[in-house]
Amino acid sequence: MSRLLVLGNAGIDLLCPVPHLPRPGETLVAAGQSRAPGGKGLNQAVVAARAGAAVRFVAPVGRDGAAAELAAALGAEPLDGLALLPQDAPTDLSLLMVAEDAENCILSLGAAADALAPQEAEAEAAALRPDDMLLVQGNLSLEATVAAMRRAAGHGARVLLNTAPLRWDMAPLLPLCTLVLANAGEAEALTGQTGAAAAEALHRAGAALALVTLGAEGCVAAGAEGIRHHPATPARAVDTTGAGDTFCGVLAARLLAGEALAPAIAAAQRAAALTVTRPGAFAALPSCEELRALLAEAAA
C-alpha cells in the first residue's frame, strides 16, 4: 500500500472570535477563546488519514505538557504512524483571530518547528518508496525541508509542497516538486503573477504540476497538459480557517490512491467547502464518516 509521509509542524491553536480583523494600532476584545490541536502539518495529516490514506505524521514538539496533549489527541486519529520528535524549544503555539465575516489572521510561534535538524528530516524521508508521497509545508526550516524533499525525490517518491506559510524563498524547491500547492497570495508573491498566469509560472519554474487555489473562485492547475480551471463548491462560509489544510489533505489522499487529478481536486473542493461552514480549525475538519460519505457521493 502506498504511504503518505507528512513532515510538518504540530502545536496548540488558541482561537479568538473578533468583530473584525485588527487594524494597525487597534485593540480588540475577543468574544471568548477555545483551545485545540493545530498546525498545518497536523491538520493535513489528520485529514489525509481520515480520508483513507496510510499516513505517517512526523512533527517536532517541545518537552512540555502541550506535547503530551498533542500525543493524546493524535492517538485517537487513524494514523498509520506517529513520531513527535522532542526538541529543546517549547511546543509551537498559534493565535487565530476569526472575524464575523469569516476571514481570519494567524500569528504562529514556531521555535520547535525551526529546531528540527535537517538530518532528522532526511532520515524520515529515507524510508519512502517510488509509490509513496512526501507532503511538506513552510513551517519547518528551509534546510530541513530541502533535505527531506531531496531524499524523497532521490527515492522516486512523489513530493507535494504546500507553500504556506511563505517564510523563505521556495522557488529553488520547485524542481523537486511533483505538485506545488499555493494560495493566490503565495503564488503572487512567488511569481509576481496572479491566477492562471501564476500557476503557469510555477510550472515553468520547475514544478511538474502547479495548483493555485482561489477561494470561492475555485483553483487553477498548470502542467504538461496545459492550464485548467476547477470551480469551487458553493458554501456559506462561517470561518475559512483550516479550509486550505482540508483541501491539501484530501487532495494528497486521493492522488495517493491513484485517482486522476480532476476528481481528486473536486473531492478536495467539496471537503474544503464543508470545513468553512463551521468555526475553528481542528474542530472544523471533516470526520472520517463525513469524508467517507463525501468520497462515496463523488464516486457515484
C-alpha atoms as a PDB file:
ATOM      1  CA  MET A   1       0.000   0.000   0.000  1.00  0.00           C
ATOM      2  CA  SER A   2       1.270   3.456  -0.893  1.00  0.00           C
ATOM      3  CA  ARG A   3       2.159   5.607   2.104  1.00  0.00           C
ATOM      4  CA  LEU A   4       1.982   9.331   2.773  1.00  0.00           C
ATOM      5  CA  LEU A   5       4.670  10.885   4.953  1.00  0.00           C
ATOM      6  CA  VAL A   6       3.535  14.234   6.323  1.00  0.00           C
ATOM      7  CA  LEU A   7       6.528  16.084   7.711  1.00  0.00           C
ATOM      8  CA  GLY A   8       5.430  19.312   9.361  1.00  0.00           C
ATOM      9  CA  ASN A   9       4.503  21.192  12.490  1.00  0.00           C
ATOM     10  CA  ALA A  10       2.193  20.377  15.369  1.00  0.00           C
ATOM     11  CA  GLY A  11       1.094  22.819  18.020  1.00  0.00           C
ATOM     12  CA  ILE A  12      -1.716  24.279  20.034  1.00  0.00           C
ATOM     13  CA  ASP A  13      -4.254  26.667  18.486  1.00  0.00           C
ATOM     14  CA  LEU A  14      -5.881  29.409  20.544  1.00  0.00           C
ATOM     15  CA  LEU A  15      -8.976  30.575  18.650  1.00  0.00           C
ATOM     16  CA  CYS A  16     -10.414  34.015  19.430  1.00  0.00           C
ATOM     17  CA  PRO A  17     -13.563  35.304  17.660  1.00  0.00           C
ATOM     18  CA  VAL A  18     -13.327  39.042  16.936  1.00  0.00           C
ATOM     19  CA  PRO A  19     -15.755  41.531  15.308  1.00  0.00           C
ATOM     20  CA  HIS A  20     -13.254  42.266  12.542  1.00  0.00           C
ATOM     21  CA  LEU A  21      -9.576  41.725  11.866  1.00  0.00           C
ATOM     22  CA  PRO A  22      -7.464  44.263  13.767  1.00  0.00           C
ATOM     23  CA  ARG A  23      -6.371  47.470  12.106  1.00  0.00           C
ATOM     24  CA  PRO A  24      -2.906  48.926  12.789  1.00  0.00           C
ATOM     25  CA  GLY A  25      -2.754  50.117  16.395  1.00  0.00           C
ATOM     26  CA  GLU A  26      -6.229  48.788  17.243  1.00  0.00           C
ATOM     27  CA  THR A  27      -7.078  46.836  20.398  1.00  0.00           C
ATOM     28  CA  LEU A  28      -9.924  44.348  20.108  1.00  0.00           C
ATOM     29  CA  VAL A  29     -11.835  42.392  22.735  1.00  0.00           C
ATOM     30  CA  ALA A  30     -12.409  38.768  21.708  1.00  0.00           C
ATOM     31  CA  ALA A  31     -15.755  37.087  22.256  1.00  0.00           C
ATOM     32  CA  GLY A  32     -14.113  34.144  24.031  1.00  0.00           C
ATOM     33  CA  GLN A  33     -11.428  31.591  23.337  1.00  0.00           C
ATOM     34  CA  SER A  34     -11.045  27.894  22.574  1.00  0.00           C
ATOM     35  CA  ARG A  35      -8.012  25.593  22.583  1.00  0.00           C
ATOM     36  CA  ALA A  36      -7.326  22.728  20.173  1.00  0.00           C
ATOM     37  CA  PRO A  37      -4.546  20.807  18.418  1.00  0.00           C
ATOM     38  CA  GLY A  38      -3.250  22.640  15.385  1.00  0.00           C
ATOM     39  CA  GLY A  39      -0.504  23.301  12.896  1.00  0.00           C
ATOM     40  CA  LYS A  40      -0.664  22.922   9.134  1.00  0.00           C
ATOM     41  CA  GLY A  41       1.249  19.650   9.219  1.00  0.00           C
ATOM     42  CA  LEU A  42      -1.007  18.190  11.894  1.00  0.00           C
ATOM     43  CA  ASN A  43      -4.233  19.287  10.212  1.00  0.00           C
ATOM     44  CA  GLN A  44      -3.188  17.953   6.814  1.00  0.00           C
ATOM     45  CA  ALA A  45      -2.022  14.639   8.244  1.00  0.00           C
ATOM     46  CA  VAL A  46      -5.261  14.142  10.176  1.00  0.00           C
ATOM     47  CA  VAL A  47      -7.453  14.951   7.167  1.00  0.00           C
ATOM     48  CA  ALA A  48      -5.465  12.681   4.842  1.00  0.00           C
ATOM     49  CA  ALA A  49      -5.720   9.824   7.352  1.00  0.00           C
ATOM     50  CA  ARG A  50      -9.447  10.388   7.831  1.00  0.00           C
ATOM     51  CA  ALA A  51      -9.762  10.306   4.034  1.00  0.00           C
ATOM     52  CA  GLY A  52      -8.303   6.823   3.974  1.00  0.00           C
ATOM     53  CA  ALA A  53      -4.595   7.318   3.314  1.00  0.00           C
ATOM     54  CA  ALA A  54      -1.896   5.368   5.176  1.00  0.00           C
ATOM     55  CA  VAL A  55      -0.293   8.373   6.875  1.00  0.00           C
ATOM     56  CA  ARG A  56       2.850   8.623   8.950  1.00  0.00           C
ATOM     57  CA  PHE A  57       2.974  12.011  10.657  1.00  0.00           C
ATOM     58  CA  VAL A  58       6.292  13.360  11.912  1.00  0.00           C
ATOM     59  CA  ALA A  59       6.483  16.649  13.804  1.00  0.00           C
ATOM     60  CA  PRO A  60       8.924  18.392  16.160  1.00  0.00           C
ATOM     61  CA  VAL A  61       7.492  19.334  19.573  1.00  0.00           C
ATOM     62  CA  GLY A  62       8.748  20.578  22.912  1.00  0.00           C
ATOM     63  CA  ARG A  63       9.341  18.635  26.100  1.00  0.00           C
ATOM     64  CA  ASP A  64       6.257  20.002  27.802  1.00  0.00           C
ATOM     65  CA  GLY A  65       2.628  19.446  28.671  1.00  0.00           C
ATOM     66  CA  ALA A  66       1.467  20.729  25.289  1.00  0.00           C
ATOM     67  CA  ALA A  67       3.381  17.918  23.576  1.00  0.00           C
ATOM     68  CA  ALA A  68       1.648  15.362  25.799  1.00  0.00           C
ATOM     69  CA  GLU A  69      -1.682  16.999  24.942  1.00  0.00           C
ATOM     70  CA  LEU A  70      -0.935  16.610  21.229  1.00  0.00           C
ATOM     71  CA  ALA A  71       0.132  12.984  21.632  1.00  0.00           C
ATOM     72  CA  ALA A  72      -3.148  12.166  23.350  1.00  0.00           C
ATOM     73  CA  ALA A  73      -5.227  13.893  20.672  1.00  0.00           C
ATOM     74  CA  LEU A  74      -3.357  12.275  17.787  1.00  0.00           C
ATOM     75  CA  GLY A  75      -3.601   8.869  19.431  1.00  0.00           C
ATOM     76  CA  ALA A  76      -7.320   8.970  18.666  1.00  0.00           C
ATOM     77  CA  GLU A  77      -6.732   9.538  14.936  1.00  0.00           C
ATOM     78  CA  PRO A  78      -6.435   6.792  12.265  1.00  0.00           C
ATOM     79  CA  LEU A  79      -2.751   7.496  11.609  1.00  0.00           C
ATOM     80  CA  ASP A  80      -0.591   4.652  10.331  1.00  0.00           C
ATOM     81  CA  GLY A  81       2.403   6.019  12.235  1.00  0.00           C
ATOM     82  CA  LEU A  82       3.238   8.946  14.521  1.00  0.00           C
ATOM     83  CA  ALA A  83       6.574  10.409  15.607  1.00  0.00           C
ATOM     84  CA  LEU A  84       6.599  13.529  17.778  1.00  0.00           C
ATOM     85  CA  LEU A  85      10.286  14.417  17.912  1.00  0.00           C
ATOM     86  CA  PRO A  86      11.266  16.266  21.134  1.00  0.00           C
ATOM     87  CA  GLN A  87      13.215  19.493  20.712  1.00  0.00           C
ATOM     88  CA  ASP A  88      14.848  21.919  23.152  1.00  0.00           C
ATOM     89  CA  ALA A  89      12.157  24.504  22.464  1.00  0.00           C
ATOM     90  CA  PRO A  90       8.559  24.954  23.601  1.00  0.00           C
ATOM     91  CA  THR A  91       5.803  23.302  21.581  1.00  0.00           C
ATOM     92  CA  ASP A  92       4.515  25.638  18.871  1.00  0.00           C
ATOM     93  CA  LEU A  93       1.541  27.896  19.517  1.00  0.00           C
ATOM     94  CA  SER A  94      -0.783  29.769  17.137  1.00  0.00           C
ATOM     95  CA  LEU A  95      -3.231  32.573  17.857  1.00  0.00           C
ATOM     96  CA  LEU A  96      -6.147  32.524  15.405  1.00  0.00           C
ATOM     97  CA  MET A  97      -8.354  35.587  15.133  1.00  0.00           C
ATOM     98  CA  VAL A  98     -11.580  34.935  13.214  1.00  0.00           C
ATOM     99  CA  ALA A  99     -13.786  37.846  12.171  1.00  0.00           C
ATOM    100  CA  GLU A 100     -17.565  37.892  11.813  1.00  0.00           C
ATOM    101  CA  ASP A 101     -17.214  37.878   8.010  1.00  0.00           C
ATOM    102  CA  ALA A 102     -15.331  34.524   8.288  1.00  0.00           C
ATOM    103  CA  GLU A 103     -11.930  35.976   7.390  1.00  0.00           C
ATOM    104  CA  ASN A 104      -9.008  35.194   9.670  1.00  0.00           C
ATOM    105  CA  CYS A 105      -5.461  36.045  10.535  1.00  0.00           C
ATOM    106  CA  ILE A 106      -2.994  33.799  12.328  1.00  0.00           C
ATOM    107  CA  LEU A 107       0.085  34.520  14.437  1.00  0.00           C
ATOM    108  CA  SER A 108       2.298  31.488  14.988  1.00  0.00           C
ATOM    109  CA  LEU A 109       5.268  30.768  17.224  1.00  0.00           C
ATOM    110  CA  GLY A 110       7.448  28.098  15.620  1.00  0.00           C
ATOM    111  CA  ALA A 111      10.573  27.534  17.699  1.00  0.00           C
ATOM    112  CA  ALA A 112      10.012  23.775  17.867  1.00  0.00           C
ATOM    113  CA  ALA A 113       9.373  23.522  14.122  1.00  0.00           C
ATOM    114  CA  ASP A 114      12.521  25.524  13.375  1.00  0.00           C
ATOM    115  CA  ALA A 115      14.574  23.305  15.680  1.00  0.00           C
ATOM    116  CA  LEU A 116      14.119  20.133  13.620  1.00  0.00           C
ATOM    117  CA  ALA A 117      17.542  19.197  12.250  1.00  0.00           C
ATOM    118  CA  PRO A 118      17.961  18.500   8.530  1.00  0.00           C
ATOM    119  CA  GLN A 119      19.397  15.095   9.442  1.00  0.00           C
ATOM    120  CA  GLU A 120      16.163  14.168  11.279  1.00  0.00           C
ATOM    121  CA  ALA A 121      14.031  15.259   8.330  1.00  0.00           C
ATOM    122  CA  GLU A 122      16.208  13.405   5.833  1.00  0.00           C
ATOM    123  CA  ALA A 123      16.146  10.233   7.928  1.00  0.00           C
ATOM    124  CA  GLU A 124      12.340  10.189   7.898  1.00  0.00           C
ATOM    125  CA  ALA A 125      12.219  10.594   4.106  1.00  0.00           C
ATOM    126  CA  ALA A 126      14.800   7.840   3.610  1.00  0.00           C
ATOM    127  CA  ALA A 127      12.139   5.137   4.070  1.00  0.00           C
ATOM    128  CA  LEU A 128       9.982   6.369   1.180  1.00  0.00           C
ATOM    129  CA  ARG A 129       9.496   4.226  -1.926  1.00  0.00           C
ATOM    130  CA  PRO A 130       8.569   5.222  -5.506  1.00  0.00           C
ATOM    131  CA  ASP A 131       4.849   4.663  -4.888  1.00  0.00           C
ATOM    132  CA  ASP A 132       4.883   6.812  -1.724  1.00  0.00           C
ATOM    133  CA  MET A 133       4.416  10.547  -1.258  1.00  0.00           C
ATOM    134  CA  LEU A 134       6.015  13.233   0.905  1.00  0.00           C
ATOM    135  CA  LEU A 135       3.906  16.221   1.971  1.00  0.00           C
ATOM    136  CA  VAL A 136       5.693  19.275   3.392  1.00  0.00           C
ATOM    137  CA  GLN A 137       4.753  22.876   4.161  1.00  0.00           C
ATOM    138  CA  GLY A 138       6.623  26.064   5.043  1.00  0.00           C
ATOM    139  CA  ASN A 139       6.642  25.691   8.816  1.00  0.00           C
ATOM    140  CA  LEU A 140       9.929  23.812   9.107  1.00  0.00           C
ATOM    141  CA  SER A 141      13.277  25.389   8.313  1.00  0.00           C
ATOM    142  CA  LEU A 142      14.407  25.671   4.706  1.00  0.00           C
ATOM    143  CA  GLU A 143      17.316  23.328   5.411  1.00  0.00           C
ATOM    144  CA  ALA A 144      15.152  20.581   6.905  1.00  0.00           C
ATOM    145  CA  THR A 145      12.560  20.893   4.144  1.00  0.00           C
ATOM    146  CA  VAL A 146      15.139  20.721   1.362  1.00  0.00           C
ATOM    147  CA  ALA A 147      16.835  17.719   2.965  1.00  0.00           C
ATOM    148  CA  ALA A 148      13.580  15.770   3.118  1.00  0.00           C
ATOM    149  CA  MET A 149      12.478  16.732  -0.380  1.00  0.00           C
ATOM    150  CA  ARG A 150      15.812  15.794  -1.949  1.00  0.00           C
ATOM    151  CA  ARG A 151      15.882  12.421  -0.228  1.00  0.00           C
ATOM    152  CA  ALA A 152      12.269  11.674  -1.185  1.00  0.00           C
ATOM    153  CA  ALA A 153      12.822  12.704  -4.813  1.00  0.00           C
ATOM    154  CA  GLY A 154      16.011  10.657  -4.887  1.00  0.00           C
ATOM    155  CA  HIS A 155      13.998   7.580  -3.925  1.00  0.00           C
ATOM    156  CA  GLY A 156      11.484   8.281  -6.695  1.00  0.00           C
ATOM    157  CA  ALA A 157       8.694   9.259  -4.315  1.00  0.00           C
ATOM    158  CA  ARG A 158       6.222  11.976  -5.209  1.00  0.00           C
ATOM    159  CA  VAL A 159       6.734  15.308  -3.451  1.00  0.00           C
ATOM    160  CA  LEU A 160       3.861  17.658  -2.636  1.00  0.00           C
ATOM    161  CA  LEU A 161       4.873  21.115  -1.376  1.00  0.00           C
ATOM    162  CA  ASN A 162       2.255  23.362   0.209  1.00  0.00           C
ATOM    163  CA  THR A 163       3.761  26.855   0.160  1.00  0.00           C
ATOM    164  CA  ALA A 164       2.017  28.007   3.345  1.00  0.00           C
ATOM    165  CA  PRO A 165       3.364  29.736   5.298  1.00  0.00           C
ATOM    166  CA  LEU A 166       5.659  31.514   2.862  1.00  0.00           C
ATOM    167  CA  ARG A 167       8.587  32.266   5.177  1.00  0.00           C
ATOM    168  CA  TRP A 168      11.547  31.746   2.869  1.00  0.00           C
ATOM    169  CA  ASP A 169      12.211  31.594  -0.879  1.00  0.00           C
ATOM    170  CA  MET A 170      10.585  28.434  -2.168  1.00  0.00           C
ATOM    171  CA  ALA A 171      11.464  28.985  -5.823  1.00  0.00           C
ATOM    172  CA  PRO A 172      14.610  26.790  -5.685  1.00  0.00           C
ATOM    173  CA  LEU A 173      12.482  23.899  -4.363  1.00  0.00           C
ATOM    174  CA  LEU A 174      10.078  23.833  -7.304  1.00  0.00           C
ATOM    175  CA  PRO A 175      12.143  21.448  -9.494  1.00  0.00           C
ATOM    176  CA  LEU A 176      11.829  18.868  -6.692  1.00  0.00           C
ATOM    177  CA  CYS A 177       8.021  19.083  -6.707  1.00  0.00           C
ATOM    178  CA  THR A 178       5.660  16.602  -8.265  1.00  0.00           C
ATOM    179  CA  LEU A 179       2.978  19.068  -7.194  1.00  0.00           C
ATOM    180  CA  VAL A 180       3.182  22.529  -5.659  1.00  0.00           C
ATOM    181  CA  LEU A 181       0.048  23.898  -3.988  1.00  0.00           C
ATOM    182  CA  ALA A 182      -0.193  27.639  -3.298  1.00  0.00           C
ATOM    183  CA  ASN A 183      -2.988  30.029  -2.483  1.00  0.00           C
ATOM    184  CA  ALA A 184      -3.474  33.188  -4.524  1.00  0.00           C
ATOM    185  CA  GLY A 185      -1.340  35.397  -2.287  1.00  0.00           C
ATOM    186  CA  GLU A 186       1.521  32.931  -2.042  1.00  0.00           C
ATOM    187  CA  ALA A 187       1.513  32.319  -5.782  1.00  0.00           C
ATOM    188  CA  GLU A 188       1.657  36.046  -6.498  1.00  0.00           C
ATOM    189  CA  ALA A 189       4.498  36.523  -4.013  1.00  0.00           C
ATOM    190  CA  LEU A 190       6.462  33.711  -5.663  1.00  0.00           C
ATOM    191  CA  THR A 191       5.851  34.681  -9.284  1.00  0.00           C
ATOM    192  CA  GLY A 192       4.592  38.264  -9.468  1.00  0.00           C
ATOM    193  CA  GLN A 193       1.620  36.859 -11.394  1.00  0.00           C
ATOM    194  CA  THR A 194      -1.980  36.058 -10.487  1.00  0.00           C
ATOM    195  CA  GLY A 195      -4.421  33.258 -11.268  1.00  0.00           C
ATOM    196  CA  ALA A 196      -3.639  31.068 -14.259  1.00  0.00           C
ATOM    197  CA  ALA A 197      -0.517  33.056 -15.073  1.00  0.00           C
ATOM    198  CA  ALA A 198       0.851  32.349 -11.593  1.00  0.00           C
ATOM    199  CA  ALA A 199       0.145  28.631 -11.908  1.00  0.00           C
ATOM    200  CA  GLU A 200       1.859  28.536 -15.293  1.00  0.00           C
ATOM    201  CA  ALA A 201       4.857  30.428 -13.893  1.00  0.00           C
ATOM    202  CA  LEU A 202       5.219  27.933 -11.036  1.00  0.00           C
ATOM    203  CA  HIS A 203       5.091  25.077 -13.541  1.00  0.00           C
ATOM    204  CA  ARG A 204       7.674  26.706 -15.785  1.00  0.00           C
ATOM    205  CA  ALA A 205       9.915  27.267 -12.759  1.00  0.00           C
ATOM    206  CA  GLY A 206      10.192  23.522 -12.320  1.00  0.00           C
ATOM    207  CA  ALA A 207       7.112  22.054 -10.618  1.00  0.00           C
ATOM    208  CA  ALA A 208       5.702  19.143 -12.619  1.00  0.00           C
ATOM    209  CA  LEU A 209       2.237  20.352 -11.672  1.00  0.00           C
ATOM    210  CA  ALA A 210       1.240  23.656 -10.066  1.00  0.00           C
ATOM    211  CA  LEU A 211      -2.096  24.253  -8.376  1.00  0.00           C
ATOM    212  CA  VAL A 212      -3.205  27.712  -7.227  1.00  0.00           C
ATOM    213  CA  THR A 213      -6.281  27.961  -5.015  1.00  0.00           C
ATOM    214  CA  LEU A 214      -8.516  30.999  -5.457  1.00  0.00           C
ATOM    215  CA  GLY A 215     -11.006  30.710  -2.603  1.00  0.00           C
ATOM    216  CA  ALA A 216     -14.594  30.980  -3.773  1.00  0.00           C
ATOM    217  CA  GLU A 217     -13.349  31.126  -7.375  1.00  0.00           C
ATOM    218  CA  GLY A 218     -12.011  27.584  -7.208  1.00  0.00           C
ATOM    219  CA  CYS A 219      -8.485  26.760  -8.322  1.00  0.00           C
ATOM    220  CA  VAL A 220      -6.356  26.588 -11.432  1.00  0.00           C
ATOM    221  CA  ALA A 221      -3.875  23.863 -12.383  1.00  0.00           C
ATOM    222  CA  ALA A 222      -0.939  24.128 -14.782  1.00  0.00           C
ATOM    223  CA  GLY A 223       1.155  21.227 -16.011  1.00  0.00           C
ATOM    224  CA  ALA A 224       2.283  19.331 -19.082  1.00  0.00           C
ATOM    225  CA  GLU A 225      -1.319  19.075 -20.301  1.00  0.00           C
ATOM    226  CA  GLY A 226      -1.875  22.829 -20.121  1.00  0.00           C
ATOM    227  CA  ILE A 227      -3.988  25.001 -17.855  1.00  0.00           C
ATOM    228  CA  ARG A 228      -7.365  24.073 -16.404  1.00  0.00           C
ATOM    229  CA  HIS A 229      -9.717  25.903 -14.068  1.00  0.00           C
ATOM    230  CA  HIS A 230     -11.638  23.913 -11.454  1.00  0.00           C
ATOM    231  CA  PRO A 231     -14.701  25.644  -9.952  1.00  0.00           C
ATOM    232  CA  ALA A 232     -15.240  25.737  -6.197  1.00  0.00           C
ATOM    233  CA  THR A 233     -18.059  24.006  -4.354  1.00  0.00           C
ATOM    234  CA  PRO A 234     -20.526  26.689  -3.183  1.00  0.00           C
ATOM    235  CA  ALA A 235     -20.667  27.174   0.579  1.00  0.00           C
ATOM    236  CA  ARG A 236     -21.828  29.730   3.122  1.00  0.00           C
ATOM    237  CA  ALA A 237     -18.597  30.491   4.959  1.00  0.00           C
ATOM    238  CA  VAL A 238     -18.545  30.851   8.731  1.00  0.00           C
ATOM    239  CA  ASP A 239     -14.777  30.512   9.211  1.00  0.00           C
ATOM    240  CA  THR A 240     -12.207  29.884   6.478  1.00  0.00           C
ATOM    241  CA  THR A 241      -9.542  28.665   8.947  1.00  0.00           C
ATOM    242  CA  GLY A 242      -8.465  25.129   8.082  1.00  0.00           C
ATOM    243  CA  ALA A 243     -10.031  25.032   4.627  1.00  0.00           C
ATOM    244  CA  GLY A 244      -6.658  25.022   2.890  1.00  0.00           C
ATOM    245  CA  ASP A 245      -5.403  22.193   5.091  1.00  0.00           C
ATOM    246  CA  THR A 246      -8.539  20.158   4.390  1.00  0.00           C
ATOM    247  CA  PHE A 247      -8.103  20.711   0.662  1.00  0.00           C
ATOM    248  CA  CYS A 248      -4.450  19.674   0.810  1.00  0.00           C
ATOM    249  CA  GLY A 249      -5.055  16.576   2.947  1.00  0.00           C
ATOM    250  CA  VAL A 250      -7.880  15.230   0.811  1.00  0.00           C
ATOM    251  CA  LEU A 251      -6.024  16.004  -2.411  1.00  0.00           C
ATOM    252  CA  ALA A 252      -2.934  14.118  -1.214  1.00  0.00           C
ATOM    253  CA  ALA A 253      -5.015  11.138  -0.083  1.00  0.00           C
ATOM    254  CA  ARG A 254      -6.919  10.867  -3.354  1.00  0.00           C
ATOM    255  CA  LEU A 255      -3.822  11.239  -5.532  1.00  0.00           C
ATOM    256  CA  LEU A 256      -2.029   8.634  -3.411  1.00  0.00           C
ATOM    257  CA  ALA A 257      -4.986   6.289  -4.007  1.00  0.00           C
ATOM    258  CA  GLY A 258      -4.439   6.638  -7.750  1.00  0.00           C
ATOM    259  CA  GLU A 259      -7.309   8.980  -8.518  1.00  0.00           C
ATOM    260  CA  ALA A 260      -6.971  11.301 -11.506  1.00  0.00           C
ATOM    261  CA  LEU A 261      -6.303  14.982 -10.836  1.00  0.00           C
ATOM    262  CA  ALA A 262      -9.716  16.404 -11.737  1.00  0.00           C
ATOM    263  CA  PRO A 263     -11.811  14.149  -9.472  1.00  0.00           C
ATOM    264  CA  ALA A 264      -9.195  14.456  -6.708  1.00  0.00           C
ATOM    265  CA  ILE A 265      -9.487  18.240  -6.866  1.00  0.00           C
ATOM    266  CA  ALA A 266     -13.291  18.008  -6.895  1.00  0.00           C
ATOM    267  CA  ALA A 267     -13.232  15.885  -3.734  1.00  0.00           C
ATOM    268  CA  ALA A 268     -10.822  18.295  -2.074  1.00  0.00           C
ATOM    269  CA  GLN A 269     -13.051  21.245  -3.014  1.00  0.00           C
ATOM    270  CA  ARG A 270     -16.113  19.565  -1.509  1.00  0.00           C
ATOM    271  CA  ALA A 271     -14.291  18.783   1.719  1.00  0.00           C
ATOM    272  CA  ALA A 272     -12.939  22.338   1.986  1.00  0.00           C
ATOM    273  CA  ALA A 273     -16.440  23.713   1.401  1.00  0.00           C
ATOM    274  CA  LEU A 274     -17.689  21.650   4.330  1.00  0.00           C
ATOM    275  CA  THR A 275     -14.876  22.940   6.545  1.00  0.00           C
ATOM    276  CA  VAL A 276     -15.715  26.631   6.037  1.00  0.00           C
ATOM    277  CA  THR A 277     -19.310  26.139   7.212  1.00  0.00           C
ATOM    278  CA  ARG A 278     -18.260  25.735  10.864  1.00  0.00           C
ATOM    279  CA  PRO A 279     -15.957  27.573  13.261  1.00  0.00           C
ATOM    280  CA  GLY A 280     -12.459  26.620  14.286  1.00  0.00           C
ATOM    281  CA  ALA A 281      -9.654  24.767  12.567  1.00  0.00           C
ATOM    282  CA  PHE A 282      -9.198  21.283  14.046  1.00  0.00           C
ATOM    283  CA  ALA A 283     -12.845  21.156  15.169  1.00  0.00           C
ATOM    284  CA  ALA A 284     -13.988  22.060  11.654  1.00  0.00           C
ATOM    285  CA  LEU A 285     -12.033  19.320   9.868  1.00  0.00           C
ATOM    286  CA  PRO A 286     -14.333  16.723   8.275  1.00  0.00           C
ATOM    287  CA  SER A 287     -14.712  13.496  10.234  1.00  0.00           C
ATOM    288  CA  CYS A 288     -13.944  10.027   8.899  1.00  0.00           C
ATOM    289  CA  GLU A 289     -17.664   9.422   8.407  1.00  0.00           C
ATOM    290  CA  GLU A 290     -18.176  12.717   6.584  1.00  0.00           C
ATOM    291  CA  LEU A 291     -15.259  12.067   4.280  1.00  0.00           C
ATOM    292  CA  ARG A 292     -16.397   8.515   3.521  1.00  0.00           C
ATOM    293  CA  ALA A 293     -19.824   9.842   2.580  1.00  0.00           C
ATOM    294  CA  LEU A 294     -18.366  12.694   0.561  1.00  0.00           C
ATOM    295  CA  LEU A 295     -15.978  10.461  -1.371  1.00  0.00           C
ATOM    296  CA  ALA A 296     -18.678   7.841  -1.989  1.00  0.00           C
ATOM    297  CA  GLU A 297     -21.011  10.506  -3.333  1.00  0.00           C
ATOM    298  CA  ALA A 298     -18.284  11.868  -5.573  1.00  0.00           C
ATOM    299  CA  ALA A 299     -17.609   8.393  -6.981  1.00  0.00           C
ATOM    300  CA  ALA A 300     -21.290   7.694  -7.685  1.00  0.00           C
END
